[in-house]
Amino acid sequence: MSKSKLEYIWLDGTQPTASLRSKTKIEKDFSGKLEDCPMWSFDGSSTNQAEGRNSDCLLKPVAIYPDPQRINGFLVMTEVLNADGTPHETNGRAIIEDDDNDFWFGFEQEYFLYDVETNLPVGFPKDQTPQGQFYCSVGAKNAFARDMVEEHLDVLIEAGINVEGINAEVAAGQWEFQCFAQGAKQAGDEIWVSRYLLERIGEQYGLEVVWHPKPLGNTDWNGSGMHANFSNTVLRECGSKETYETICEAFRPVVKEHIEVYGAFNDQRLTGAHETQSIDEFSFGISDRGASIRIPIITVEKGWKGWLEDRRPSSNGDPYKIAARIIKTVKTAKV
């Protein structure tokens, strides 16, 4: 008889930004398959998701990955349900309308690593070195905490996460990883599990993962985003500039609705500076990193067959809610 460690991961009810929670379940002779992961429960009164007099919330397994850091371990991403089996109000995954996985998403997750003793990004320059030299950099004066970032990358690959790359970002102590999935729900699962693993690895290094979109405040340093690259069959196959423009224009009337789910404190990042469009404006353009939506040059070069990049989502945004809103808007375009 063997015993496996199943780490059930879920999103809590912390406002304005959900936090990750997890706990371990021991299963005997576990098959490693999602369908054999049992439902579980937790105390919602301790996670801002229920009252003490009626505190039970349910965990519904929705994705499973091997856990490279534990012997006989598995990572189980879950949705939070009410005690009656209906989706909890904090459950953004349940609102995604993409049952046929027609929508593909690639998220570019930026983040800062903070030294818990100085409360500054690791390697943050004391001489106010201008930003820029740190982007995709190498060398002890430019790239910081690479050992933690590399370990995270290795763990993601071993876990079967479809990570597509990493790079040092514009500010000191700022990094990025990218994940892609054919299906909005799977894309969200992979970002959340990737975030979980990064947080857990940070425990070993004594570094805090900071998801805030503008942790350095009103300074001349870039914030952190989570650019959402997305496509559906139409975008991948249409071959029409007019179709692309029609889909982009569908986003113009619903700027407020998108910003509401693109992450807290995003107004501090979307100022119109530092490769962003202003939070209350909308624009799109070919290869334009200052636009709300960028049309990648490779999409144009392939005859208008490819994807779009919404550059507005912040680093602390919920990929489930972001994907759900993008899908809803794209489906309104009359193409």
C-alpha atoms as a PDB file:
ATOM      1  CA  MET A   1       0.000   0.000   0.000  1.00  0.00           C
ATOM      2  CA  SER A   2       1.373   3.396  -0.998  1.00  0.00           C
ATOM      3  CA  LYS A   3       0.397   6.812   0.283  1.00  0.00           C
ATOM      4  CA  SER A   4       0.293  10.008  -1.773  1.00  0.00           C
ATOM      5  CA  LYS A   5       0.285  13.645  -0.694  1.00  0.00           C
ATOM      6  CA  LEU A   6      -2.349  15.684  -2.510  1.00  0.00           C
ATOM      7  CA  GLU A   7      -1.923  19.431  -2.051  1.00  0.00           C
ATOM      8  CA  TYR A   8      -5.347  21.017  -2.559  1.00  0.00           C
ATOM      9  CA  ILE A   9      -4.932  24.633  -3.729  1.00  0.00           C
ATOM     10  CA  TRP A  10      -7.656  27.257  -3.785  1.00  0.00           C
ATOM     11  CA  LEU A  11      -8.298  31.013  -3.888  1.00  0.00           C
ATOM     12  CA  ASP A  12      -9.592  32.672  -0.756  1.00  0.00           C
ATOM     13  CA  GLY A  13     -11.946  35.613  -0.295  1.00  0.00           C
ATOM     14  CA  THR A  14      -9.370  38.272   0.562  1.00  0.00           C
ATOM     15  CA  GLN A  15     -10.256  41.666  -0.910  1.00  0.00           C
ATOM     16  CA  PRO A  16      -9.345  43.332  -3.152  1.00  0.00           C
ATOM     17  CA  THR A  17      -6.910  40.586  -4.221  1.00  0.00           C
ATOM     18  CA  ALA A  18      -7.396  36.895  -3.526  1.00  0.00           C
ATOM     19  CA  SER A  19      -4.624  34.972  -1.810  1.00  0.00           C
ATOM     20  CA  LEU A  20      -3.631  31.354  -2.338  1.00  0.00           C
ATOM     21  CA  ARG A  21      -4.422  28.740   0.276  1.00  0.00           C
ATOM     22  CA  SER A  22      -3.577  25.040   0.391  1.00  0.00           C
ATOM     23  CA  LYS A  23      -3.663  21.972   2.588  1.00  0.00           C
ATOM     24  CA  THR A  24      -2.491  18.385   2.257  1.00  0.00           C
ATOM     25  CA  LYS A  25      -4.682  15.310   1.933  1.00  0.00           C
ATOM     26  CA  ILE A  26      -3.184  11.824   2.252  1.00  0.00           C
ATOM     27  CA  GLU A  27      -4.674   9.237  -0.113  1.00  0.00           C
ATOM     28  CA  LYS A  28      -3.912   5.513  -0.178  1.00  0.00           C
ATOM     29  CA  ASP A  29      -3.044   3.826  -3.486  1.00  0.00           C
ATOM     30  CA  PHE A  30      -3.872   6.987  -5.423  1.00  0.00           C
ATOM     31  CA  SER A  31      -4.010   6.595  -9.217  1.00  0.00           C
ATOM     32  CA  GLY A  32      -2.713  10.073 -10.007  1.00  0.00           C
ATOM     33  CA  LYS A  33      -5.852  10.851 -12.039  1.00  0.00           C
ATOM     34  CA  LEU A  34      -8.066  13.891 -11.581  1.00  0.00           C
ATOM     35  CA  GLU A  35     -11.242  11.820 -11.506  1.00  0.00           C
ATOM     36  CA  ASP A  36      -9.938   9.984  -8.450  1.00  0.00           C
ATOM     37  CA  CYS A  37      -9.361  13.163  -6.431  1.00  0.00           C
ATOM     38  CA  PRO A  38     -12.188  13.337  -3.877  1.00  0.00           C
ATOM     39  CA  MET A  39     -14.139  16.451  -3.038  1.00  0.00           C
ATOM     40  CA  TRP A  40     -12.901  18.069   0.162  1.00  0.00           C
ATOM     41  CA  SER A  41     -13.941  20.895   2.442  1.00  0.00           C
ATOM     42  CA  PHE A  42     -12.431  23.701   4.514  1.00  0.00           C
ATOM     43  CA  ASP A  43     -13.341  26.344   7.066  1.00  0.00           C
ATOM     44  CA  GLY A  44     -14.517  29.296   5.006  1.00  0.00           C
ATOM     45  CA  SER A  45     -14.779  31.500   8.079  1.00  0.00           C
ATOM     46  CA  SER A  46     -10.970  31.524   8.214  1.00  0.00           C
ATOM     47  CA  THR A  47     -10.564  32.534   4.562  1.00  0.00           C
ATOM     48  CA  ASN A  48     -13.143  35.350   4.266  1.00  0.00           C
ATOM     49  CA  GLN A  49     -15.533  33.014   2.441  1.00  0.00           C
ATOM     50  CA  ALA A  50     -18.138  32.081   5.065  1.00  0.00           C
ATOM     51  CA  GLU A  51     -19.481  32.883   8.518  1.00  0.00           C
ATOM     52  CA  GLY A  52     -18.581  30.795  11.536  1.00  0.00           C
ATOM     53  CA  ARG A  53     -22.142  29.580  12.059  1.00  0.00           C
ATOM     54  CA  ASN A  54     -22.202  28.156   8.525  1.00  0.00           C
ATOM     55  CA  SER A  55     -18.551  27.788   7.633  1.00  0.00           C
ATOM     56  CA  ASP A  56     -18.186  24.728   5.398  1.00  0.00           C
ATOM     57  CA  CYS A  57     -17.014  25.373   1.836  1.00  0.00           C
ATOM     58  CA  LEU A  58     -16.224  22.668  -0.701  1.00  0.00           C
ATOM     59  CA  LEU A  59     -13.123  22.095  -2.821  1.00  0.00           C
ATOM     60  CA  LYS A  60     -13.815  20.662  -6.261  1.00  0.00           C
ATOM     61  CA  PRO A  61     -10.649  19.334  -7.989  1.00  0.00           C
ATOM     62  CA  VAL A  62     -10.307  20.729 -11.516  1.00  0.00           C
ATOM     63  CA  ALA A  63      -6.669  20.094 -12.477  1.00  0.00           C
ATOM     64  CA  ILE A  64      -3.826  17.912 -11.226  1.00  0.00           C
ATOM     65  CA  TYR A  65      -0.058  18.043 -11.656  1.00  0.00           C
ATOM     66  CA  PRO A  66       2.802  15.998 -10.204  1.00  0.00           C
ATOM     67  CA  ASP A  67       4.530  17.827  -7.352  1.00  0.00           C
ATOM     68  CA  PRO A  68       8.285  17.692  -8.066  1.00  0.00           C
ATOM     69  CA  GLN A  69       9.146  18.953  -4.578  1.00  0.00           C
ATOM     70  CA  ARG A  70       7.444  16.188  -2.598  1.00  0.00           C
ATOM     71  CA  ILE A  71       7.781  12.420  -2.563  1.00  0.00           C
ATOM     72  CA  ASN A  72       4.582  10.892  -3.970  1.00  0.00           C
ATOM     73  CA  GLY A  73       3.161  14.371  -4.225  1.00  0.00           C
ATOM     74  CA  PHE A  74       0.487  15.965  -6.429  1.00  0.00           C
ATOM     75  CA  LEU A  75      -0.739  19.532  -6.862  1.00  0.00           C
ATOM     76  CA  VAL A  76      -4.529  19.700  -7.097  1.00  0.00           C
ATOM     77  CA  MET A  77      -6.046  22.974  -8.287  1.00  0.00           C
ATOM     78  CA  THR A  78      -9.604  23.350  -7.054  1.00  0.00           C
ATOM     79  CA  GLU A  79     -12.698  25.511  -7.400  1.00  0.00           C
ATOM     80  CA  VAL A  80     -14.475  26.734  -4.282  1.00  0.00           C
ATOM     81  CA  LEU A  81     -18.136  25.728  -4.001  1.00  0.00           C
ATOM     82  CA  ASN A  82     -20.805  26.551  -1.474  1.00  0.00           C
ATOM     83  CA  ALA A  83     -22.007  23.758   0.770  1.00  0.00           C
ATOM     84  CA  ASP A  84     -24.901  23.107  -1.646  1.00  0.00           C
ATOM     85  CA  GLY A  85     -22.496  22.530  -4.551  1.00  0.00           C
ATOM     86  CA  THR A  86     -23.067  25.847  -6.322  1.00  0.00           C
ATOM     87  CA  PRO A  87     -20.060  28.021  -7.275  1.00  0.00           C
ATOM     88  CA  HIS A  88     -18.923  30.329  -4.483  1.00  0.00           C
ATOM     89  CA  GLU A  89     -19.078  34.035  -5.295  1.00  0.00           C
ATOM     90  CA  THR A  90     -15.257  34.122  -5.285  1.00  0.00           C
ATOM     91  CA  ASN A  91     -15.077  31.385  -7.939  1.00  0.00           C
ATOM     92  CA  GLY A  92     -13.965  33.153 -11.120  1.00  0.00           C
ATOM     93  CA  ARG A  93     -13.301  29.915 -12.976  1.00  0.00           C
ATOM     94  CA  ALA A  94     -17.001  29.053 -12.977  1.00  0.00           C
ATOM     95  CA  ILE A  95     -17.925  32.149 -15.029  1.00  0.00           C
ATOM     96  CA  ILE A  96     -15.718  31.286 -18.027  1.00  0.00           C
ATOM     97  CA  GLU A  97     -17.789  30.525 -21.137  1.00  0.00           C
ATOM     98  CA  ASP A  98     -15.332  28.412 -23.095  1.00  0.00           C
ATOM     99  CA  ASP A  99     -16.547  24.833 -22.865  1.00  0.00           C
ATOM    100  CA  ASP A 100     -15.135  23.959 -26.306  1.00  0.00           C
ATOM    101  CA  ASN A 101     -11.678  25.409 -25.513  1.00  0.00           C
ATOM    102  CA  ASP A 102     -11.842  27.546 -28.643  1.00  0.00           C
ATOM    103  CA  PHE A 103     -10.056  30.359 -26.835  1.00  0.00           C
ATOM    104  CA  TRP A 104      -6.320  30.052 -26.302  1.00  0.00           C
ATOM    105  CA  PHE A 105      -4.503  32.189 -23.753  1.00  0.00           C
ATOM    106  CA  GLY A 106      -0.891  32.993 -23.091  1.00  0.00           C
ATOM    107  CA  PHE A 107      -0.294  35.004 -19.925  1.00  0.00           C
ATOM    108  CA  GLU A 108       2.919  36.948 -19.306  1.00  0.00           C
ATOM    109  CA  GLN A 109       3.220  37.020 -15.530  1.00  0.00           C
ATOM    110  CA  GLU A 110       5.470  39.764 -14.154  1.00  0.00           C
ATOM    111  CA  TYR A 111       6.385  40.017 -10.470  1.00  0.00           C
ATOM    112  CA  PHE A 112       8.920  41.461  -8.039  1.00  0.00           C
ATOM    113  CA  LEU A 113      11.049  39.564  -5.548  1.00  0.00           C
ATOM    114  CA  TYR A 114      11.470  41.512  -2.311  1.00  0.00           C
ATOM    115  CA  ASP A 115      14.120  41.191   0.358  1.00  0.00           C
ATOM    116  CA  VAL A 116      12.076  40.720   3.531  1.00  0.00           C
ATOM    117  CA  GLU A 117      14.701  42.565   5.610  1.00  0.00           C
ATOM    118  CA  THR A 118      15.028  45.721   3.496  1.00  0.00           C
ATOM    119  CA  ASN A 119      11.453  45.633   2.122  1.00  0.00           C
ATOM    120  CA  LEU A 120      12.868  46.538  -1.285  1.00  0.00           C
ATOM    121  CA  PRO A 121      13.275  44.541  -4.485  1.00  0.00           C
ATOM    122  CA  VAL A 122      16.277  42.256  -4.231  1.00  0.00           C
ATOM    123  CA  GLY A 123      19.264  44.051  -5.748  1.00  0.00           C
ATOM    124  CA  PHE A 124      17.438  47.373  -5.809  1.00  0.00           C
ATOM    125  CA  PRO A 125      20.036  50.021  -6.759  1.00  0.00           C
ATOM    126  CA  LYS A 126      20.914  52.433  -3.990  1.00  0.00           C
ATOM    127  CA  ASP A 127      22.427  54.871  -6.485  1.00  0.00           C
ATOM    128  CA  GLN A 128      19.123  55.251  -8.381  1.00  0.00           C
ATOM    129  CA  THR A 129      20.441  53.596 -11.528  1.00  0.00           C
ATOM    130  CA  PRO A 130      17.915  54.288 -14.310  1.00  0.00           C
ATOM    131  CA  GLN A 131      15.766  51.344 -15.254  1.00  0.00           C
ATOM    132  CA  GLY A 132      16.451  49.485 -18.468  1.00  0.00           C
ATOM    133  CA  GLN A 133      19.821  47.844 -17.899  1.00  0.00           C
ATOM    134  CA  PHE A 134      18.079  45.091 -15.928  1.00  0.00           C
ATOM    135  CA  TYR A 135      15.830  43.938 -18.778  1.00  0.00           C
ATOM    136  CA  CYS A 136      16.917  40.479 -20.008  1.00  0.00           C
ATOM    137  CA  SER A 137      20.185  41.200 -18.240  1.00  0.00           C
ATOM    138  CA  VAL A 138      23.100  39.097 -17.085  1.00  0.00           C
ATOM    139  CA  GLY A 139      25.783  39.724 -14.483  1.00  0.00           C
ATOM    140  CA  ALA A 140      25.976  40.259 -10.738  1.00  0.00           C
ATOM    141  CA  LYS A 141      25.233  44.003 -11.026  1.00  0.00           C
ATOM    142  CA  ASN A 142      22.132  43.483 -13.128  1.00  0.00           C
ATOM    143  CA  ALA A 143      20.346  40.175 -12.491  1.00  0.00           C
ATOM    144  CA  PHE A 144      19.254  39.222  -8.980  1.00  0.00           C
ATOM    145  CA  ALA A 145      17.803  36.036  -7.445  1.00  0.00           C
ATOM    146  CA  ARG A 146      18.378  34.077 -10.639  1.00  0.00           C
ATOM    147  CA  ASP A 147      18.863  30.896  -8.582  1.00  0.00           C
ATOM    148  CA  MET A 148      15.285  31.098  -7.288  1.00  0.00           C
ATOM    149  CA  VAL A 149      13.891  31.948 -10.706  1.00  0.00           C
ATOM    150  CA  GLU A 150      15.734  29.045 -12.336  1.00  0.00           C
ATOM    151  CA  GLU A 151      14.516  26.629  -9.673  1.00  0.00           C
ATOM    152  CA  HIS A 152      10.968  27.800 -10.300  1.00  0.00           C
ATOM    153  CA  LEU A 153      11.359  27.188 -14.026  1.00  0.00           C
ATOM    154  CA  ASP A 154      12.697  23.673 -13.466  1.00  0.00           C
ATOM    155  CA  VAL A 155       9.846  22.847 -11.087  1.00  0.00           C
ATOM    156  CA  LEU A 156       7.229  24.117 -13.550  1.00  0.00           C
ATOM    157  CA  ILE A 157       8.638  21.938 -16.312  1.00  0.00           C
ATOM    158  CA  GLU A 158       8.771  18.885 -14.049  1.00  0.00           C
ATOM    159  CA  ALA A 159       5.177  19.530 -12.970  1.00  0.00           C
ATOM    160  CA  GLY A 160       3.990  19.517 -16.568  1.00  0.00           C
ATOM    161  CA  ILE A 161       3.051  23.193 -16.616  1.00  0.00           C
ATOM    162  CA  ASN A 162       3.199  24.560 -20.168  1.00  0.00           C
ATOM    163  CA  VAL A 163       5.670  27.313 -19.305  1.00  0.00           C
ATOM    164  CA  GLU A 164       7.057  28.975 -22.423  1.00  0.00           C
ATOM    165  CA  GLY A 165       9.865  31.101 -21.038  1.00  0.00           C
ATOM    166  CA  ILE A 166      11.287  33.433 -18.401  1.00  0.00           C
ATOM    167  CA  ASN A 167      13.200  36.700 -18.463  1.00  0.00           C
ATOM    168  CA  ALA A 168      14.500  39.416 -16.187  1.00  0.00           C
ATOM    169  CA  GLU A 169      12.279  42.471 -16.461  1.00  0.00           C
ATOM    170  CA  VAL A 170      12.896  46.218 -16.680  1.00  0.00           C
ATOM    171  CA  ALA A 171      13.327  46.923 -12.967  1.00  0.00           C
ATOM    172  CA  ALA A 172      15.850  45.442 -10.557  1.00  0.00           C
ATOM    173  CA  GLY A 173      14.456  42.356  -8.851  1.00  0.00           C
ATOM    174  CA  GLN A 174      11.603  42.104 -11.362  1.00  0.00           C
ATOM    175  CA  TRP A 175      11.075  38.910 -13.377  1.00  0.00           C
ATOM    176  CA  GLU A 176       8.536  37.322 -15.694  1.00  0.00           C
ATOM    177  CA  PHE A 177       7.362  33.870 -16.723  1.00  0.00           C
ATOM    178  CA  GLN A 178       4.939  32.964 -19.498  1.00  0.00           C
ATOM    179  CA  CYS A 179       2.384  30.152 -19.647  1.00  0.00           C
ATOM    180  CA  PHE A 180       0.184  29.098 -22.575  1.00  0.00           C
ATOM    181  CA  ALA A 181      -2.836  26.813 -22.814  1.00  0.00           C
ATOM    182  CA  GLN A 182      -5.447  25.855 -25.390  1.00  0.00           C
ATOM    183  CA  GLY A 183      -8.453  26.626 -23.223  1.00  0.00           C
ATOM    184  CA  ALA A 184      -9.170  29.525 -20.895  1.00  0.00           C
ATOM    185  CA  LYS A 185      -9.768  27.437 -17.786  1.00  0.00           C
ATOM    186  CA  GLN A 186      -6.560  25.484 -18.224  1.00  0.00           C
ATOM    187  CA  ALA A 187      -4.637  28.724 -18.778  1.00  0.00           C
ATOM    188  CA  GLY A 188      -5.953  30.053 -15.487  1.00  0.00           C
ATOM    189  CA  ASP A 189      -5.153  26.797 -13.694  1.00  0.00           C
ATOM    190  CA  GLU A 190      -1.564  26.904 -14.876  1.00  0.00           C
ATOM    191  CA  ILE A 191      -0.987  30.512 -13.826  1.00  0.00           C
ATOM    192  CA  TRP A 192      -2.404  29.921 -10.355  1.00  0.00           C
ATOM    193  CA  VAL A 193      -0.393  26.726  -9.803  1.00  0.00           C
ATOM    194  CA  SER A 194       2.713  28.499 -11.121  1.00  0.00           C
ATOM    195  CA  ARG A 195       2.135  31.350  -8.679  1.00  0.00           C
ATOM    196  CA  TYR A 196       1.661  28.859  -5.865  1.00  0.00           C
ATOM    197  CA  LEU A 197       4.951  27.126  -6.633  1.00  0.00           C
ATOM    198  CA  LEU A 198       6.809  30.447  -6.835  1.00  0.00           C
ATOM    199  CA  GLU A 199       5.448  31.479  -3.436  1.00  0.00           C
ATOM    200  CA  ARG A 200       6.439  28.139  -1.932  1.00  0.00           C
ATOM    201  CA  ILE A 201       9.952  28.285  -3.363  1.00  0.00           C
ATOM    202  CA  GLY A 202      10.295  31.819  -2.006  1.00  0.00           C
ATOM    203  CA  GLU A 203       9.947  30.396   1.505  1.00  0.00           C
ATOM    204  CA  GLN A 204      13.283  28.633   1.054  1.00  0.00           C
ATOM    205  CA  TYR A 205      15.071  31.761  -0.168  1.00  0.00           C
ATOM    206  CA  GLY A 206      13.524  34.200   2.274  1.00  0.00           C
ATOM    207  CA  LEU A 207      12.188  36.285  -0.616  1.00  0.00           C
ATOM    208  CA  GLU A 208       8.664  37.649  -0.846  1.00  0.00           C
ATOM    209  CA  VAL A 209       6.845  37.429  -4.166  1.00  0.00           C
ATOM    210  CA  VAL A 210       5.148  40.795  -4.701  1.00  0.00           C
ATOM    211  CA  TRP A 211       2.255  40.750  -7.162  1.00  0.00           C
ATOM    212  CA  HIS A 212       1.252  44.414  -6.657  1.00  0.00           C
ATOM    213  CA  PRO A 213       1.194  46.191 -10.055  1.00  0.00           C
ATOM    214  CA  LYS A 214       3.132  49.232  -8.808  1.00  0.00           C
ATOM    215  CA  PRO A 215       4.987  48.293  -5.613  1.00  0.00           C
ATOM    216  CA  LEU A 216       7.508  51.129  -5.977  1.00  0.00           C
ATOM    217  CA  GLY A 217       4.747  53.714  -6.035  1.00  0.00           C
ATOM    218  CA  ASN A 218       4.930  56.946  -7.979  1.00  0.00           C
ATOM    219  CA  THR A 219       8.485  56.483  -9.197  1.00  0.00           C
ATOM    220  CA  ASP A 220      10.124  56.249 -12.603  1.00  0.00           C
ATOM    221  CA  TRP A 221      10.103  52.454 -12.481  1.00  0.00           C
ATOM    222  CA  ASN A 222       7.863  50.155 -14.488  1.00  0.00           C
ATOM    223  CA  GLY A 223       5.018  48.393 -12.783  1.00  0.00           C
ATOM    224  CA  SER A 224       4.117  44.731 -13.185  1.00  0.00           C
ATOM    225  CA  GLY A 225       1.469  43.438 -15.558  1.00  0.00           C
ATOM    226  CA  MET A 226       0.103  40.142 -16.757  1.00  0.00           C
ATOM    227  CA  HIS A 227      -0.348  40.722 -20.474  1.00  0.00           C
ATOM    228  CA  ALA A 228      -3.066  38.478 -21.876  1.00  0.00           C
ATOM    229  CA  ASN A 229      -2.367  37.057 -25.330  1.00  0.00           C
ATOM    230  CA  PHE A 230      -5.544  35.530 -26.701  1.00  0.00           C
ATOM    231  CA  SER A 231      -7.062  34.036 -29.829  1.00  0.00           C
ATOM    232  CA  ASN A 232     -10.025  32.034 -31.037  1.00  0.00           C
ATOM    233  CA  THR A 233     -10.620  30.271 -34.342  1.00  0.00           C
ATOM    234  CA  VAL A 234     -11.612  33.546 -36.004  1.00  0.00           C
ATOM    235  CA  LEU A 235      -8.424  35.330 -34.980  1.00  0.00           C
ATOM    236  CA  ARG A 236      -6.259  32.345 -35.858  1.00  0.00           C
ATOM    237  CA  GLU A 237      -7.748  31.811 -39.334  1.00  0.00           C
ATOM    238  CA  CYS A 238      -9.598  34.895 -40.620  1.00  0.00           C
ATOM    239  CA  GLY A 239      -6.783  36.548 -42.597  1.00  0.00           C
ATOM    240  CA  SER A 240      -8.601  39.877 -42.406  1.00  0.00           C
ATOM    241  CA  LYS A 241      -7.387  43.229 -41.078  1.00  0.00           C
ATOM    242  CA  GLU A 242     -10.993  44.427 -40.947  1.00  0.00           C
ATOM    243  CA  THR A 243     -11.993  41.485 -38.729  1.00  0.00           C
ATOM    244  CA  TYR A 244      -9.162  42.235 -36.336  1.00  0.00           C
ATOM    245  CA  GLU A 245     -10.170  45.887 -36.145  1.00  0.00           C
ATOM    246  CA  THR A 246     -13.808  44.938 -35.536  1.00  0.00           C
ATOM    247  CA  ILE A 247     -12.813  42.689 -32.640  1.00  0.00           C
ATOM    248  CA  CYS A 248     -10.558  45.384 -31.175  1.00  0.00           C
ATOM    249  CA  GLU A 249     -13.335  47.963 -31.449  1.00  0.00           C
ATOM    250  CA  ALA A 250     -15.622  45.664 -29.443  1.00  0.00           C
ATOM    251  CA  PHE A 251     -13.408  46.431 -26.434  1.00  0.00           C
ATOM    252  CA  ARG A 252     -13.798  50.214 -26.669  1.00  0.00           C
ATOM    253  CA  PRO A 253     -17.286  50.553 -25.078  1.00  0.00           C
ATOM    254  CA  VAL A 254     -16.477  48.246 -22.154  1.00  0.00           C
ATOM    255  CA  VAL A 255     -13.258  49.725 -20.789  1.00  0.00           C
ATOM    256  CA  LYS A 256     -14.743  50.053 -17.304  1.00  0.00           C
ATOM    257  CA  GLU A 257     -15.976  46.451 -17.255  1.00  0.00           C
ATOM    258  CA  HIS A 258     -12.523  45.168 -18.150  1.00  0.00           C
ATOM    259  CA  ILE A 259     -10.650  47.354 -15.686  1.00  0.00           C
ATOM    260  CA  GLU A 260     -12.965  46.171 -12.894  1.00  0.00           C
ATOM    261  CA  VAL A 261     -11.577  42.623 -13.211  1.00  0.00           C
ATOM    262  CA  TYR A 262      -8.032  43.379 -14.387  1.00  0.00           C
ATOM    263  CA  GLY A 263      -6.568  43.673 -10.891  1.00  0.00           C
ATOM    264  CA  ALA A 264      -6.539  46.018  -7.900  1.00  0.00           C
ATOM    265  CA  PHE A 265      -4.407  49.179  -7.829  1.00  0.00           C
ATOM    266  CA  ASN A 266      -4.037  49.051 -11.595  1.00  0.00           C
ATOM    267  CA  ASP A 267      -4.633  52.810 -11.734  1.00  0.00           C
ATOM    268  CA  GLN A 268      -1.152  53.216 -10.275  1.00  0.00           C
ATOM    269  CA  ARG A 269       0.305  51.301 -13.226  1.00  0.00           C
ATOM    270  CA  LEU A 270      -1.903  52.330 -16.172  1.00  0.00           C
ATOM    271  CA  THR A 271      -0.856  55.975 -16.315  1.00  0.00           C
ATOM    272  CA  GLY A 272       0.022  56.327 -19.984  1.00  0.00           C
ATOM    273  CA  ALA A 273       3.737  56.097 -19.132  1.00  0.00           C
ATOM    274  CA  HIS A 274       6.084  53.126 -18.786  1.00  0.00           C
ATOM    275  CA  GLU A 275       4.678  51.222 -21.784  1.00  0.00           C
ATOM    276  CA  THR A 276       1.020  51.572 -20.769  1.00  0.00           C
ATOM    277  CA  GLN A 277      -2.137  53.279 -21.991  1.00  0.00           C
ATOM    278  CA  SER A 278      -4.086  55.448 -19.527  1.00  0.00           C
ATOM    279  CA  ILE A 279      -6.571  53.443 -17.477  1.00  0.00           C
ATOM    280  CA  ASP A 280      -9.630  55.358 -18.745  1.00  0.00           C
ATOM    281  CA  GLU A 281      -8.657  55.384 -22.406  1.00  0.00           C
ATOM    282  CA  PHE A 282      -8.636  52.721 -25.103  1.00  0.00           C
ATOM    283  CA  SER A 283      -6.430  52.232 -28.126  1.00  0.00           C
ATOM    284  CA  PHE A 284      -5.038  49.485 -30.293  1.00  0.00           C
ATOM    285  CA  GLY A 285      -2.199  49.357 -32.757  1.00  0.00           C
ATOM    286  CA  ILE A 286       0.300  47.186 -34.558  1.00  0.00           C
ATOM    287  CA  SER A 287       3.365  46.517 -32.421  1.00  0.00           C
ATOM    288  CA  ASP A 288       2.305  49.349 -30.059  1.00  0.00           C
ATOM    289  CA  ARG A 289       3.316  48.644 -26.454  1.00  0.00           C
ATOM    290  CA  GLY A 290       1.701  51.876 -25.347  1.00  0.00           C
ATOM    291  CA  ALA A 291      -1.710  50.743 -26.564  1.00  0.00           C
ATOM    292  CA  SER A 292      -4.450  48.970 -24.616  1.00  0.00           C
ATOM    293  CA  ILE A 293      -4.355  46.130 -27.132  1.00  0.00           C
ATOM    294  CA  ARG A 294      -1.292  45.372 -29.213  1.00  0.00           C
ATOM    295  CA  ILE A 295      -1.591  43.626 -32.557  1.00  0.00           C
ATOM    296  CA  PRO A 296       1.638  41.575 -32.743  1.00  0.00           C
ATOM    297  CA  ILE A 297       3.690  42.190 -35.875  1.00  0.00           C
ATOM    298  CA  ILE A 298       3.917  38.427 -36.457  1.00  0.00           C
ATOM    299  CA  THR A 299       0.115  38.317 -36.739  1.00  0.00           C
ATOM    300  CA  VAL A 300       0.264  40.900 -39.514  1.00  0.00           C
ATOM    301  CA  GLU A 301       3.179  39.196 -41.272  1.00  0.00           C
ATOM    302  CA  LYS A 302       1.234  35.916 -41.298  1.00  0.00           C
ATOM    303  CA  GLY A 303      -1.577  37.574 -43.195  1.00  0.00           C
ATOM    304  CA  TRP A 304      -3.701  38.613 -40.226  1.00  0.00           C
ATOM    305  CA  LYS A 305      -3.786  35.139 -38.725  1.00  0.00           C
ATOM    306  CA  GLY A 306      -2.709  34.981 -35.088  1.00  0.00           C
ATOM    307  CA  TRP A 307      -3.652  36.610 -31.804  1.00  0.00           C
ATOM    308  CA  LEU A 308      -4.084  39.848 -29.867  1.00  0.00           C
ATOM    309  CA  GLU A 309      -2.403  41.048 -26.688  1.00  0.00           C
ATOM    310  CA  ASP A 310      -4.389  42.928 -24.044  1.00  0.00           C
ATOM    311  CA  ARG A 311      -1.692  44.803 -22.127  1.00  0.00           C
ATOM    312  CA  ARG A 312      -3.928  46.155 -19.384  1.00  0.00           C
ATOM    313  CA  PRO A 313      -4.276  43.233 -16.909  1.00  0.00           C
ATOM    314  CA  SER A 314      -2.159  43.728 -13.809  1.00  0.00           C
ATOM    315  CA  SER A 315       0.213  41.264 -12.219  1.00  0.00           C
ATOM    316  CA  ASN A 316      -2.193  40.587  -9.347  1.00  0.00           C
ATOM    317  CA  GLY A 317      -5.223  39.995 -11.566  1.00  0.00           C
ATOM    318  CA  ASP A 318      -7.208  36.761 -11.516  1.00  0.00           C
ATOM    319  CA  PRO A 319      -6.554  35.030 -14.873  1.00  0.00           C
ATOM    320  CA  TYR A 320      -9.947  33.290 -14.647  1.00  0.00           C
ATOM    321  CA  LYS A 321     -11.840  36.585 -14.420  1.00  0.00           C
ATOM    322  CA  ILE A 322      -9.621  38.250 -17.026  1.00  0.00           C
ATOM    323  CA  ALA A 323     -10.153  35.439 -19.525  1.00  0.00           C
ATOM    324  CA  ALA A 324     -13.896  35.367 -18.845  1.00  0.00           C
ATOM    325  CA  ARG A 325     -14.227  39.092 -19.570  1.00  0.00           C
ATOM    326  CA  ILE A 326     -12.112  38.932 -22.747  1.00  0.00           C
ATOM    327  CA  ILE A 327     -14.148  36.002 -24.076  1.00  0.00           C
ATOM    328  CA  LYS A 328     -17.393  37.809 -23.349  1.00  0.00           C
ATOM    329  CA  THR A 329     -16.256  40.895 -25.243  1.00  0.00           C
ATOM    330  CA  VAL A 330     -14.852  39.021 -28.235  1.00  0.00           C
ATOM    331  CA  LYS A 331     -18.134  37.147 -28.601  1.00  0.00           C
ATOM    332  CA  THR A 332     -19.980  40.463 -28.991  1.00  0.00           C
ATOM    333  CA  ALA A 333     -17.958  41.439 -32.075  1.00  0.00           C
ATOM    334  CA  LYS A 334     -20.025  41.173 -35.230  1.00  0.00           C
ATOM    335  CA  VAL A 335     -17.588  39.325 -37.493  1.00  0.00           C
END
